[in-house]
Amino acid sequence: MTEADLADLERTAAQVQWTPPSGTDREDQYCCFCRSGLSSGLQRLAADRDDVSLFTPSDLVPSGGTE
């Protein structure tokens, strides 16, 4: 997953017509899930932004066997 994938997500999100029930400005949060790897550029970009979160399988499934 690269910066281009995030840019695609941002373009798609901009097309969603939605206003929060409170009537305040909308604040988008971008969550990227990738099994095959995150580019270093995307990781740097996410580190500099509060609205981007990156996840890999190891973030979602604990390692070390079953309980």
PDB file of N, CA and C in Angstrom:
ATOM      1  N   MET A   1       0.850  -1.157   0.000  1.00  0.00           N
ATOM      2  CA  MET A   1       0.000   0.000   0.000  1.00  0.00           C
ATOM      3  C   MET A   1       0.902   1.228   0.000  1.00  0.00           C
ATOM      4  N   THR A   2       0.532   2.203  -0.825  1.00  0.00           N
ATOM      5  CA  THR A   2       1.383   3.383  -0.998  1.00  0.00           C
ATOM      6  C   THR A   2       0.590   4.669  -0.761  1.00  0.00           C
ATOM      7  N   GLU A   3       1.278   5.776  -0.902  1.00  0.00           N
ATOM      8  CA  GLU A   3       0.645   7.085  -0.778  1.00  0.00           C
ATOM      9  C   GLU A   3      -0.464   7.260  -1.815  1.00  0.00           C
ATOM     10  N   ALA A   4      -0.304   6.654  -2.978  1.00  0.00           N
ATOM     11  CA  ALA A   4      -1.328   6.744  -4.028  1.00  0.00           C
ATOM     12  C   ALA A   4      -2.636   6.095  -3.579  1.00  0.00           C
ATOM     13  N   ASP A   5      -2.546   5.010  -2.816  1.00  0.00           N
ATOM     14  CA  ASP A   5      -3.752   4.363  -2.294  1.00  0.00           C
ATOM     15  C   ASP A   5      -4.472   5.274  -1.308  1.00  0.00           C
ATOM     16  N   LEU A   6      -3.722   5.973  -0.474  1.00  0.00           N
ATOM     17  CA  LEU A   6      -4.327   6.917   0.455  1.00  0.00           C
ATOM     18  C   LEU A   6      -4.972   8.066  -0.314  1.00  0.00           C
ATOM     19  N   ALA A   7      -4.307   8.554  -1.344  1.00  0.00           N
ATOM     20  CA  ALA A   7      -4.874   9.630  -2.162  1.00  0.00           C
ATOM     21  C   ALA A   7      -6.189   9.189  -2.806  1.00  0.00           C
ATOM     22  N   ASP A   8      -6.258   7.941  -3.263  1.00  0.00           N
ATOM     23  CA  ASP A   8      -7.511   7.402  -3.814  1.00  0.00           C
ATOM     24  C   ASP A   8      -8.605   7.381  -2.746  1.00  0.00           C
ATOM     25  N   LEU A   9      -8.252   6.967  -1.548  1.00  0.00           N
ATOM     26  CA  LEU A   9      -9.203   6.929  -0.448  1.00  0.00           C
ATOM     27  C   LEU A   9      -9.711   8.331  -0.121  1.00  0.00           C
ATOM     28  N   GLU A  10      -8.815   9.306  -0.104  1.00  0.00           N
ATOM     29  CA  GLU A  10      -9.209  10.686   0.182  1.00  0.00           C
ATOM     30  C   GLU A  10     -10.152  11.229  -0.899  1.00  0.00           C
ATOM     31  N   ARG A  11      -9.872  10.914  -2.166  1.00  0.00           N
ATOM     32  CA  ARG A  11     -10.751  11.359  -3.258  1.00  0.00           C
ATOM     33  C   ARG A  11     -12.137  10.733  -3.124  1.00  0.00           C
ATOM     34  N   THR A  12     -12.178   9.477  -2.779  1.00  0.00           N
ATOM     35  CA  THR A  12     -13.460   8.794  -2.615  1.00  0.00           C
ATOM     36  C   THR A  12     -14.221   9.367  -1.422  1.00  0.00           C
ATOM     37  N   ALA A  13     -13.538   9.599  -0.314  1.00  0.00           N
ATOM     38  CA  ALA A  13     -14.189  10.149   0.878  1.00  0.00           C
ATOM     39  C   ALA A  13     -14.775  11.527   0.605  1.00  0.00           C
ATOM     40  N   ALA A  14     -14.119  12.308  -0.236  1.00  0.00           N
ATOM     41  CA  ALA A  14     -14.607  13.650  -0.557  1.00  0.00           C
ATOM     42  C   ALA A  14     -15.943  13.606  -1.291  1.00  0.00           C
ATOM     43  N   GLN A  15     -16.251  12.490  -1.913  1.00  0.00           N
ATOM     44  CA  GLN A  15     -17.508  12.345  -2.644  1.00  0.00           C
ATOM     45  C   GLN A  15     -18.677  11.939  -1.748  1.00  0.00           C
ATOM     46  N   VAL A  16     -18.383  11.508  -0.529  1.00  0.00           N
ATOM     47  CA  VAL A  16     -19.433  11.094   0.403  1.00  0.00           C
ATOM     48  C   VAL A  16     -20.131  12.343   0.935  1.00  0.00           C
ATOM     49  N   GLN A  17     -21.445  12.372   0.782  1.00  0.00           N
ATOM     50  CA  GLN A  17     -22.224  13.504   1.255  1.00  0.00           C
ATOM     51  C   GLN A  17     -22.814  13.159   2.613  1.00  0.00           C
ATOM     52  N   TRP A  18     -22.242  13.749   3.651  1.00  0.00           N
ATOM     53  CA  TRP A  18     -22.674  13.467   5.009  1.00  0.00           C
ATOM     54  C   TRP A  18     -22.300  14.639   5.898  1.00  0.00           C
ATOM     55  N   THR A  19     -23.209  14.994   6.788  1.00  0.00           N
ATOM     56  CA  THR A  19     -22.958  16.028   7.783  1.00  0.00           C
ATOM     57  C   THR A  19     -23.212  15.410   9.153  1.00  0.00           C
ATOM     58  N   PRO A  20     -22.307  15.607  10.090  1.00  0.00           N
ATOM     59  CA  PRO A  20     -22.528  15.060  11.433  1.00  0.00           C
ATOM     60  C   PRO A  20     -23.858  15.558  12.005  1.00  0.00           C
ATOM     61  N   PRO A  21     -24.529  14.728  12.798  1.00  0.00           N
ATOM     62  CA  PRO A  21     -25.821  15.114  13.372  1.00  0.00           C
ATOM     63  C   PRO A  21     -25.768  16.420  14.164  1.00  0.00           C
ATOM     64  N   SER A  22     -24.634  16.710  14.746  1.00  0.00           N
ATOM     65  CA  SER A  22     -24.503  17.940  15.535  1.00  0.00           C
ATOM     66  C   SER A  22     -24.392  19.178  14.661  1.00  0.00           C
ATOM     67  N   GLY A  23     -24.227  18.975  13.345  1.00  0.00           N
ATOM     68  CA  GLY A  23     -24.103  20.102  12.426  1.00  0.00           C
ATOM     69  C   GLY A  23     -22.708  20.693  12.359  1.00  0.00           C
ATOM     70  N   THR A  24     -21.764  20.086  13.074  1.00  0.00           N
ATOM     71  CA  THR A  24     -20.389  20.585  13.044  1.00  0.00           C
ATOM     72  C   THR A  24     -19.706  20.157  11.746  1.00  0.00           C
ATOM     73  N   ASP A  25     -18.543  20.694  11.501  1.00  0.00           N
ATOM     74  CA  ASP A  25     -17.783  20.305  10.318  1.00  0.00           C
ATOM     75  C   ASP A  25     -17.369  18.839  10.425  1.00  0.00           C
ATOM     76  N   ARG A  26     -17.363  18.199   9.290  1.00  0.00           N
ATOM     77  CA  ARG A  26     -16.967  16.794   9.205  1.00  0.00           C
ATOM     78  C   ARG A  26     -15.455  16.678   9.348  1.00  0.00           C
ATOM     79  N   GLU A  27     -15.010  15.702  10.105  1.00  0.00           N
ATOM     80  CA  GLU A  27     -13.582  15.413  10.253  1.00  0.00           C
ATOM     81  C   GLU A  27     -13.352  13.974   9.825  1.00  0.00           C
ATOM     82  N   ASP A  28     -12.693  13.783   8.699  1.00  0.00           N
ATOM     83  CA  ASP A  28     -12.430  12.438   8.191  1.00  0.00           C
ATOM     84  C   ASP A  28     -11.213  11.840   8.876  1.00  0.00           C
ATOM     85  N   GLN A  29     -11.292  10.544   9.138  1.00  0.00           N
ATOM     86  CA  GLN A  29     -10.182   9.759   9.654  1.00  0.00           C
ATOM     87  C   GLN A  29      -9.967   8.618   8.670  1.00  0.00           C
ATOM     88  N   TYR A  30      -8.733   8.383   8.276  1.00  0.00           N
ATOM     89  CA  TYR A  30      -8.422   7.359   7.280  1.00  0.00           C
ATOM     90  C   TYR A  30      -7.703   6.197   7.951  1.00  0.00           C
ATOM     91  N   CYS A  31      -8.275   5.010   7.818  1.00  0.00           N
ATOM     92  CA  CYS A  31      -7.684   3.788   8.356  1.00  0.00           C
ATOM     93  C   CYS A  31      -7.329   2.889   7.187  1.00  0.00           C
ATOM     94  N   CYS A  32      -6.067   2.557   7.080  1.00  0.00           N
ATOM     95  CA  CYS A  32      -5.589   1.711   5.985  1.00  0.00           C
ATOM     96  C   CYS A  32      -5.160   0.367   6.548  1.00  0.00           C
ATOM     97  N   PHE A  33      -5.737  -0.686   6.007  1.00  0.00           N
ATOM     98  CA  PHE A  33      -5.427  -2.059   6.415  1.00  0.00           C
ATOM     99  C   PHE A  33      -4.715  -2.735   5.256  1.00  0.00           C
ATOM    100  N   CYS A  34      -3.548  -3.313   5.513  1.00  0.00           N
ATOM    101  CA  CYS A  34      -2.792  -3.935   4.428  1.00  0.00           C
ATOM    102  C   CYS A  34      -2.114  -5.209   4.914  1.00  0.00           C
ATOM    103  N   ARG A  35      -2.332  -6.262   4.171  1.00  0.00           N
ATOM    104  CA  ARG A  35      -1.726  -7.556   4.506  1.00  0.00           C
ATOM    105  C   ARG A  35      -0.328  -7.678   3.908  1.00  0.00           C
ATOM    106  N   SER A  36      -0.113  -7.042   2.742  1.00  0.00           N
ATOM    107  CA  SER A  36       1.130  -7.281   2.011  1.00  0.00           C
ATOM    108  C   SER A  36       2.227  -6.248   2.260  1.00  0.00           C
ATOM    109  N   GLY A  37       1.958  -5.225   3.054  1.00  0.00           N
ATOM    110  CA  GLY A  37       3.024  -4.281   3.383  1.00  0.00           C
ATOM    111  C   GLY A  37       2.666  -2.835   3.093  1.00  0.00           C
ATOM    112  N   LEU A  38       3.286  -1.953   3.829  1.00  0.00           N
ATOM    113  CA  LEU A  38       3.069  -0.516   3.720  1.00  0.00           C
ATOM    114  C   LEU A  38       4.363   0.133   3.239  1.00  0.00           C
ATOM    115  N   SER A  39       4.250   0.991   2.239  1.00  0.00           N
ATOM    116  CA  SER A  39       5.459   1.645   1.728  1.00  0.00           C
ATOM    117  C   SER A  39       6.046   2.564   2.792  1.00  0.00           C
ATOM    118  N   SER A  40       7.344   2.786   2.715  1.00  0.00           N
ATOM    119  CA  SER A  40       7.989   3.681   3.678  1.00  0.00           C
ATOM    120  C   SER A  40       7.449   5.096   3.540  1.00  0.00           C
ATOM    121  N   GLY A  41       7.113   5.498   2.316  1.00  0.00           N
ATOM    122  CA  GLY A  41       6.540   6.826   2.107  1.00  0.00           C
ATOM    123  C   GLY A  41       5.201   6.985   2.799  1.00  0.00           C
ATOM    124  N   LEU A  42       4.365   5.964   2.725  1.00  0.00           N
ATOM    125  CA  LEU A  42       3.064   6.010   3.399  1.00  0.00           C
ATOM    126  C   LEU A  42       3.257   6.020   4.909  1.00  0.00           C
ATOM    127  N   GLN A  43       4.201   5.270   5.408  1.00  0.00           N
ATOM    128  CA  GLN A  43       4.465   5.255   6.849  1.00  0.00           C
ATOM    129  C   GLN A  43       4.937   6.621   7.332  1.00  0.00           C
ATOM    130  N   ARG A  44       5.792   7.283   6.564  1.00  0.00           N
ATOM    131  CA  ARG A  44       6.250   8.631   6.930  1.00  0.00           C
ATOM    132  C   ARG A  44       5.091   9.609   6.914  1.00  0.00           C
ATOM    133  N   LEU A  45       4.264   9.531   5.876  1.00  0.00           N
ATOM    134  CA  LEU A  45       3.115  10.423   5.749  1.00  0.00           C
ATOM    135  C   LEU A  45       2.172  10.239   6.935  1.00  0.00           C
ATOM    136  N   ALA A  46       1.869   9.001   7.294  1.00  0.00           N
ATOM    137  CA  ALA A  46       0.973   8.718   8.415  1.00  0.00           C
ATOM    138  C   ALA A  46       1.561   9.214   9.738  1.00  0.00           C
ATOM    139  N   ALA A  47       2.867   9.144   9.891  1.00  0.00           N
ATOM    140  CA  ALA A  47       3.511   9.605  11.118  1.00  0.00           C
ATOM    141  C   ALA A  47       3.353  11.110  11.298  1.00  0.00           C
ATOM    142  N   ASP A  48       3.223  11.827  10.185  1.00  0.00           N
ATOM    143  CA  ASP A  48       3.090  13.285  10.229  1.00  0.00           C
ATOM    144  C   ASP A  48       1.645  13.767  10.306  1.00  0.00           C
ATOM    145  N   ARG A  49       0.693  12.847  10.218  1.00  0.00           N
ATOM    146  CA  ARG A  49      -0.719  13.239  10.194  1.00  0.00           C
ATOM    147  C   ARG A  49      -1.497  12.566  11.316  1.00  0.00           C
ATOM    148  N   ASP A  50      -2.423  13.303  11.902  1.00  0.00           N
ATOM    149  CA  ASP A  50      -3.268  12.757  12.964  1.00  0.00           C
ATOM    150  C   ASP A  50      -4.496  12.042  12.416  1.00  0.00           C
ATOM    151  N   ASP A  51      -4.773  12.183  11.119  1.00  0.00           N
ATOM    152  CA  ASP A  51      -5.999  11.622  10.548  1.00  0.00           C
ATOM    153  C   ASP A  51      -5.763  10.334   9.757  1.00  0.00           C
ATOM    154  N   VAL A  52      -4.567   9.758   9.856  1.00  0.00           N
ATOM    155  CA  VAL A  52      -4.252   8.525   9.123  1.00  0.00           C
ATOM    156  C   VAL A  52      -3.722   7.475  10.104  1.00  0.00           C
ATOM    157  N   SER A  53      -4.355   6.295  10.078  1.00  0.00           N
ATOM    158  CA  SER A  53      -3.903   5.166  10.892  1.00  0.00           C
ATOM    159  C   SER A  53      -3.618   3.996   9.969  1.00  0.00           C
ATOM    160  N   LEU A  54      -2.518   3.308  10.212  1.00  0.00           N
ATOM    161  CA  LEU A  54      -2.114   2.167   9.389  1.00  0.00           C
ATOM    162  C   LEU A  54      -2.160   0.895  10.221  1.00  0.00           C
ATOM    163  N   PHE A  55      -2.644  -0.185   9.618  1.00  0.00           N
ATOM    164  CA  PHE A  55      -2.764  -1.462  10.317  1.00  0.00           C
ATOM    165  C   PHE A  55      -2.268  -2.596   9.434  1.00  0.00           C
ATOM    166  N   THR A  56      -1.580  -3.541  10.045  1.00  0.00           N
ATOM    167  CA  THR A  56      -1.158  -4.776   9.391  1.00  0.00           C
ATOM    168  C   THR A  56      -1.778  -5.932  10.183  1.00  0.00           C
ATOM    169  N   PRO A  57      -1.703  -7.149   9.669  1.00  0.00           N
ATOM    170  CA  PRO A  57      -2.282  -8.280  10.423  1.00  0.00           C
ATOM    171  C   PRO A  57      -1.747  -8.396  11.849  1.00  0.00           C
ATOM    172  N   SER A  58      -0.474  -8.101  12.055  1.00  0.00           N
ATOM    173  CA  SER A  58       0.082  -8.228  13.407  1.00  0.00           C
ATOM    174  C   SER A  58      -0.514  -7.198  14.367  1.00  0.00           C
ATOM    175  N   ASP A  59      -1.085  -6.124  13.841  1.00  0.00           N
ATOM    176  CA  ASP A  59      -1.764  -5.148  14.693  1.00  0.00           C
ATOM    177  C   ASP A  59      -3.132  -5.655  15.138  1.00  0.00           C
ATOM    178  N   LEU A  60      -3.685  -6.579  14.387  1.00  0.00           N
ATOM    179  CA  LEU A  60      -5.046  -7.029  14.625  1.00  0.00           C
ATOM    180  C   LEU A  60      -5.142  -8.389  15.312  1.00  0.00           C
ATOM    181  N   VAL A  61      -4.140  -9.236  15.080  1.00  0.00           N
ATOM    182  CA  VAL A  61      -4.162 -10.601  15.616  1.00  0.00           C
ATOM    183  C   VAL A  61      -2.946 -10.773  16.528  1.00  0.00           C
ATOM    184  N   PRO A  62      -3.173 -11.083  17.777  1.00  0.00           N
ATOM    185  CA  PRO A  62      -2.026 -11.258  18.684  1.00  0.00           C
ATOM    186  C   PRO A  62      -1.175 -12.455  18.254  1.00  0.00           C
ATOM    187  N   SER A  63       0.120 -12.319  18.402  1.00  0.00           N
ATOM    188  CA  SER A  63       1.024 -13.427  18.089  1.00  0.00           C
ATOM    189  C   SER A  63       1.236 -14.273  19.331  1.00  0.00           C
ATOM    190  N   GLY A  64       1.792 -15.433  19.148  1.00  0.00           N
ATOM    191  CA  GLY A  64       2.124 -16.269  20.296  1.00  0.00           C
ATOM    192  C   GLY A  64       1.161 -17.393  20.567  1.00  0.00           C
ATOM    193  N   GLY A  65       0.352 -17.747  19.605  1.00  0.00           N
ATOM    194  CA  GLY A  65      -0.542 -18.895  19.803  1.00  0.00           C
ATOM    195  C   GLY A  65      -1.929 -18.509  20.228  1.00  0.00           C
ATOM    196  N   THR A  66      -2.698 -19.526  20.531  1.00  0.00           N
ATOM    197  CA  THR A  66      -4.097 -19.316  20.913  1.00  0.00           C
ATOM    198  C   THR A  66      -4.241 -19.356  22.424  1.00  0.00           C
ATOM    199  N   GLU A  67      -5.329 -18.825  22.881  1.00  0.00           N
ATOM    200  CA  GLU A  67      -5.592 -18.825  24.327  1.00  0.00           C
ATOM    201  C   GLU A  67      -6.597 -19.879  24.678  1.00  0.00           C
TER     202      GLU A  67
END
